[in-house]
Amino acid sequence: TEPLWDTGEHVVTMSPSTLQMLADCPLRWLLERHGGSRGRDVRSTLGSLVHALVSESGKSEAQLLNELENIWEKLPFDAQWYAD
């Protein structure tokens, strides 16, 4: 059982919601993956941030909180009170 292609440096990541979109409407998945979306809103950015931090194995709570604080300032909040 060999991979269908060389897995070298090209990794395809799929979230459960992206996989569901691909199953429901392959054309929509293709268009959104190649610039056809309106960009990311704060909710999806926060979800991605949580997933990224959770996947950081071996880091202490303090290290994860430090990374969160550094990234938090750069999130595209519509109003400051969202960030507070």
N, C-alpha and C. Protein backbone atom coordinates (compact mmCIF):
# COMPACT_ATOMS: atom_id res chain seq x y z
N THR A 1 0.84 -1.18 0.00
CA THR A 1 0.00 0.00 0.00
C THR A 1 0.88 1.25 0.00
N GLU A 2 1.19 1.73 -1.17
CA GLU A 2 2.01 2.93 -1.32
C GLU A 2 1.11 4.15 -1.50
N PRO A 3 1.59 5.34 -1.10
CA PRO A 3 0.81 6.55 -1.33
C PRO A 3 0.58 6.77 -2.82
N LEU A 4 -0.48 7.49 -3.13
CA LEU A 4 -0.79 7.79 -4.53
C LEU A 4 0.18 8.80 -5.12
N TRP A 5 0.82 9.61 -4.29
CA TRP A 5 1.79 10.59 -4.75
C TRP A 5 2.88 10.75 -3.70
N ASP A 6 3.94 11.41 -4.10
CA ASP A 6 5.06 11.66 -3.19
C ASP A 6 4.59 12.62 -2.11
N THR A 7 4.69 12.21 -0.87
CA THR A 7 4.21 13.05 0.23
C THR A 7 5.27 14.01 0.74
N GLY A 8 6.44 14.03 0.17
CA GLY A 8 7.54 14.93 0.52
C GLY A 8 7.16 16.12 1.37
N GLU A 9 7.17 17.30 0.79
CA GLU A 9 6.88 18.53 1.53
C GLU A 9 5.46 19.03 1.29
N HIS A 10 4.71 18.39 0.45
CA HIS A 10 3.37 18.87 0.10
C HIS A 10 2.33 18.12 0.91
N VAL A 11 1.90 18.75 1.99
CA VAL A 11 0.91 18.14 2.87
C VAL A 11 -0.43 18.84 2.64
N VAL A 12 -1.46 18.08 2.44
CA VAL A 12 -2.81 18.62 2.29
C VAL A 12 -3.50 18.48 3.63
N THR A 13 -3.92 19.60 4.20
CA THR A 13 -4.63 19.56 5.47
C THR A 13 -6.12 19.75 5.21
N MET A 14 -6.91 19.00 5.93
CA MET A 14 -8.37 19.08 5.77
C MET A 14 -9.02 19.08 7.14
N SER A 15 -9.79 20.10 7.42
CA SER A 15 -10.57 20.12 8.65
C SER A 15 -11.85 19.31 8.40
N PRO A 16 -12.54 18.91 9.45
CA PRO A 16 -13.80 18.19 9.23
C PRO A 16 -14.80 19.00 8.41
N SER A 17 -14.88 20.31 8.65
CA SER A 17 -15.83 21.12 7.89
C SER A 17 -15.43 21.23 6.42
N THR A 18 -14.13 21.30 6.15
CA THR A 18 -13.66 21.34 4.77
C THR A 18 -13.94 20.03 4.06
N LEU A 19 -13.73 18.94 4.76
CA LEU A 19 -14.03 17.63 4.18
C LEU A 19 -15.51 17.49 3.88
N GLN A 20 -16.36 18.01 4.77
CA GLN A 20 -17.80 17.97 4.53
C GLN A 20 -18.16 18.82 3.31
N MET A 21 -17.55 19.99 3.17
CA MET A 21 -17.80 20.84 2.01
C MET A 21 -17.39 20.13 0.73
N LEU A 22 -16.26 19.46 0.76
CA LEU A 22 -15.80 18.71 -0.41
C LEU A 22 -16.80 17.63 -0.79
N ALA A 23 -17.34 16.94 0.21
CA ALA A 23 -18.33 15.89 -0.06
C ALA A 23 -19.64 16.48 -0.59
N ASP A 24 -20.05 17.63 -0.04
CA ASP A 24 -21.33 18.25 -0.43
C ASP A 24 -21.26 18.92 -1.80
N CYS A 25 -20.19 19.66 -2.04
CA CYS A 25 -20.09 20.42 -3.29
C CYS A 25 -18.62 20.58 -3.68
N PRO A 26 -18.10 19.65 -4.46
CA PRO A 26 -16.69 19.72 -4.86
C PRO A 26 -16.31 21.03 -5.56
N LEU A 27 -17.23 21.59 -6.34
CA LEU A 27 -16.93 22.84 -7.04
C LEU A 27 -16.73 23.98 -6.04
N ARG A 28 -17.61 24.08 -5.05
CA ARG A 28 -17.46 25.11 -4.02
C ARG A 28 -16.13 24.95 -3.29
N TRP A 29 -15.79 23.69 -2.94
CA TRP A 29 -14.52 23.43 -2.26
C TRP A 29 -13.36 23.93 -3.12
N LEU A 30 -13.37 23.59 -4.41
CA LEU A 30 -12.30 24.00 -5.32
C LEU A 30 -12.19 25.52 -5.40
N LEU A 31 -13.32 26.19 -5.58
CA LEU A 31 -13.30 27.64 -5.72
C LEU A 31 -12.82 28.32 -4.44
N GLU A 32 -13.28 27.86 -3.29
CA GLU A 32 -12.88 28.49 -2.04
C GLU A 32 -11.42 28.22 -1.70
N ARG A 33 -10.91 27.07 -2.10
CA ARG A 33 -9.50 26.75 -1.83
C ARG A 33 -8.55 27.56 -2.71
N HIS A 34 -9.06 28.11 -3.80
CA HIS A 34 -8.20 28.84 -4.74
C HIS A 34 -8.65 30.29 -4.90
N GLY A 35 -8.97 30.93 -3.78
CA GLY A 35 -9.21 32.36 -3.78
C GLY A 35 -10.63 32.80 -4.00
N GLY A 36 -11.58 31.90 -4.03
CA GLY A 36 -12.96 32.28 -4.29
C GLY A 36 -13.77 32.58 -3.06
N SER A 37 -13.15 32.66 -1.89
CA SER A 37 -13.91 32.95 -0.67
C SER A 37 -13.75 34.42 -0.31
N ARG A 38 -14.56 34.86 0.62
CA ARG A 38 -14.51 36.26 1.05
C ARG A 38 -13.48 36.49 2.15
N GLY A 39 -12.64 35.54 2.38
CA GLY A 39 -11.66 35.70 3.45
C GLY A 39 -12.16 35.03 4.72
N ARG A 40 -11.34 35.09 5.72
CA ARG A 40 -11.68 34.42 6.97
C ARG A 40 -12.28 35.42 7.95
N ASP A 41 -13.32 35.00 8.63
CA ASP A 41 -13.86 35.85 9.67
C ASP A 41 -13.19 35.48 11.00
N VAL A 42 -13.49 36.22 12.02
CA VAL A 42 -12.84 36.03 13.31
C VAL A 42 -13.13 34.64 13.87
N ARG A 43 -14.35 34.15 13.69
CA ARG A 43 -14.69 32.84 14.25
C ARG A 43 -13.82 31.74 13.67
N SER A 44 -13.65 31.73 12.37
CA SER A 44 -12.82 30.67 11.77
C SER A 44 -11.35 30.87 12.13
N THR A 45 -10.93 32.13 12.26
CA THR A 45 -9.56 32.39 12.67
C THR A 45 -9.33 31.89 14.09
N LEU A 46 -10.28 32.14 14.99
CA LEU A 46 -10.16 31.65 16.37
C LEU A 46 -10.14 30.13 16.40
N GLY A 47 -10.99 29.50 15.60
CA GLY A 47 -11.00 28.04 15.54
C GLY A 47 -9.67 27.49 15.08
N SER A 48 -9.11 28.10 14.06
CA SER A 48 -7.80 27.66 13.56
C SER A 48 -6.72 27.89 14.60
N LEU A 49 -6.81 28.99 15.31
CA LEU A 49 -5.84 29.29 16.36
C LEU A 49 -5.90 28.24 17.47
N VAL A 50 -7.11 27.91 17.90
CA VAL A 50 -7.27 26.89 18.95
C VAL A 50 -6.71 25.56 18.48
N HIS A 51 -7.04 25.16 17.26
CA HIS A 51 -6.52 23.89 16.72
C HIS A 51 -4.99 23.91 16.66
N ALA A 52 -4.43 25.02 16.23
CA ALA A 52 -2.97 25.11 16.13
C ALA A 52 -2.31 25.01 17.50
N LEU A 53 -2.88 25.70 18.48
CA LEU A 53 -2.30 25.64 19.82
C LEU A 53 -2.44 24.25 20.44
N VAL A 54 -3.57 23.62 20.24
CA VAL A 54 -3.79 22.28 20.79
C VAL A 54 -2.83 21.28 20.17
N SER A 55 -2.49 21.48 18.92
CA SER A 55 -1.61 20.54 18.24
C SER A 55 -0.14 20.71 18.63
N GLU A 56 0.19 21.75 19.37
CA GLU A 56 1.56 22.01 19.81
C GLU A 56 1.90 21.11 20.99
N SER A 57 2.29 19.90 20.71
CA SER A 57 2.61 18.97 21.80
C SER A 57 3.96 19.31 22.41
N GLY A 58 4.08 19.05 23.68
CA GLY A 58 5.35 19.25 24.36
C GLY A 58 5.58 20.65 24.89
N LYS A 59 4.66 21.58 24.63
CA LYS A 59 4.84 22.94 25.12
C LYS A 59 4.08 23.10 26.44
N SER A 60 4.64 23.90 27.31
CA SER A 60 4.01 24.14 28.61
C SER A 60 2.83 25.09 28.44
N GLU A 61 2.01 25.16 29.48
CA GLU A 61 0.87 26.08 29.46
C GLU A 61 1.35 27.51 29.30
N ALA A 62 2.42 27.87 29.97
CA ALA A 62 2.97 29.23 29.87
C ALA A 62 3.43 29.54 28.45
N GLN A 63 4.06 28.59 27.79
CA GLN A 63 4.51 28.79 26.40
C GLN A 63 3.31 28.97 25.47
N LEU A 64 2.27 28.16 25.67
CA LEU A 64 1.08 28.27 24.83
C LEU A 64 0.37 29.61 25.06
N LEU A 65 0.27 30.03 26.31
CA LEU A 65 -0.35 31.33 26.60
C LEU A 65 0.45 32.47 26.00
N ASN A 66 1.75 32.38 26.01
CA ASN A 66 2.60 33.40 25.40
C ASN A 66 2.36 33.47 23.89
N GLU A 67 2.28 32.31 23.24
CA GLU A 67 1.98 32.29 21.80
C GLU A 67 0.61 32.88 21.52
N LEU A 68 -0.37 32.54 22.36
CA LEU A 68 -1.72 33.07 22.19
C LEU A 68 -1.72 34.59 22.30
N GLU A 69 -1.04 35.13 23.29
CA GLU A 69 -0.98 36.58 23.46
C GLU A 69 -0.33 37.27 22.26
N ASN A 70 0.72 36.67 21.71
CA ASN A 70 1.39 37.25 20.55
C ASN A 70 0.49 37.26 19.32
N ILE A 71 -0.26 36.20 19.14
CA ILE A 71 -1.14 36.09 17.97
C ILE A 71 -2.40 36.92 18.15
N TRP A 72 -2.91 37.00 19.38
CA TRP A 72 -4.18 37.67 19.67
C TRP A 72 -4.20 39.10 19.14
N GLU A 73 -3.08 39.81 19.30
CA GLU A 73 -2.99 41.20 18.86
C GLU A 73 -3.16 41.35 17.35
N LYS A 74 -2.89 40.30 16.60
CA LYS A 74 -2.93 40.38 15.14
C LYS A 74 -4.25 39.90 14.54
N LEU A 75 -5.18 39.45 15.39
CA LEU A 75 -6.45 38.94 14.86
C LEU A 75 -7.31 40.08 14.34
N PRO A 76 -8.10 39.81 13.29
CA PRO A 76 -8.89 40.87 12.65
C PRO A 76 -10.23 41.13 13.34
N PHE A 77 -10.21 41.65 14.57
CA PHE A 77 -11.46 41.94 15.28
C PHE A 77 -12.11 43.18 14.68
N ASP A 78 -13.44 43.15 14.56
CA ASP A 78 -14.17 44.30 14.02
C ASP A 78 -14.21 45.46 15.01
N ALA A 79 -14.18 45.14 16.30
CA ALA A 79 -14.19 46.16 17.34
C ALA A 79 -13.29 45.70 18.47
N GLN A 80 -12.71 46.66 19.18
CA GLN A 80 -11.77 46.32 20.25
C GLN A 80 -12.43 45.50 21.35
N TRP A 81 -13.72 45.75 21.62
CA TRP A 81 -14.35 45.03 22.73
C TRP A 81 -14.47 43.53 22.44
N TYR A 82 -14.41 43.12 21.17
CA TYR A 82 -14.37 41.69 20.87
C TYR A 82 -13.10 41.07 21.44
N ALA A 83 -12.01 41.79 21.33
CA ALA A 83 -10.71 41.27 21.76
C ALA A 83 -10.57 41.27 23.28
N ASP A 84 -11.28 42.16 23.94
CA ASP A 84 -11.18 42.25 25.40
C ASP A 84 -11.95 41.12 26.00
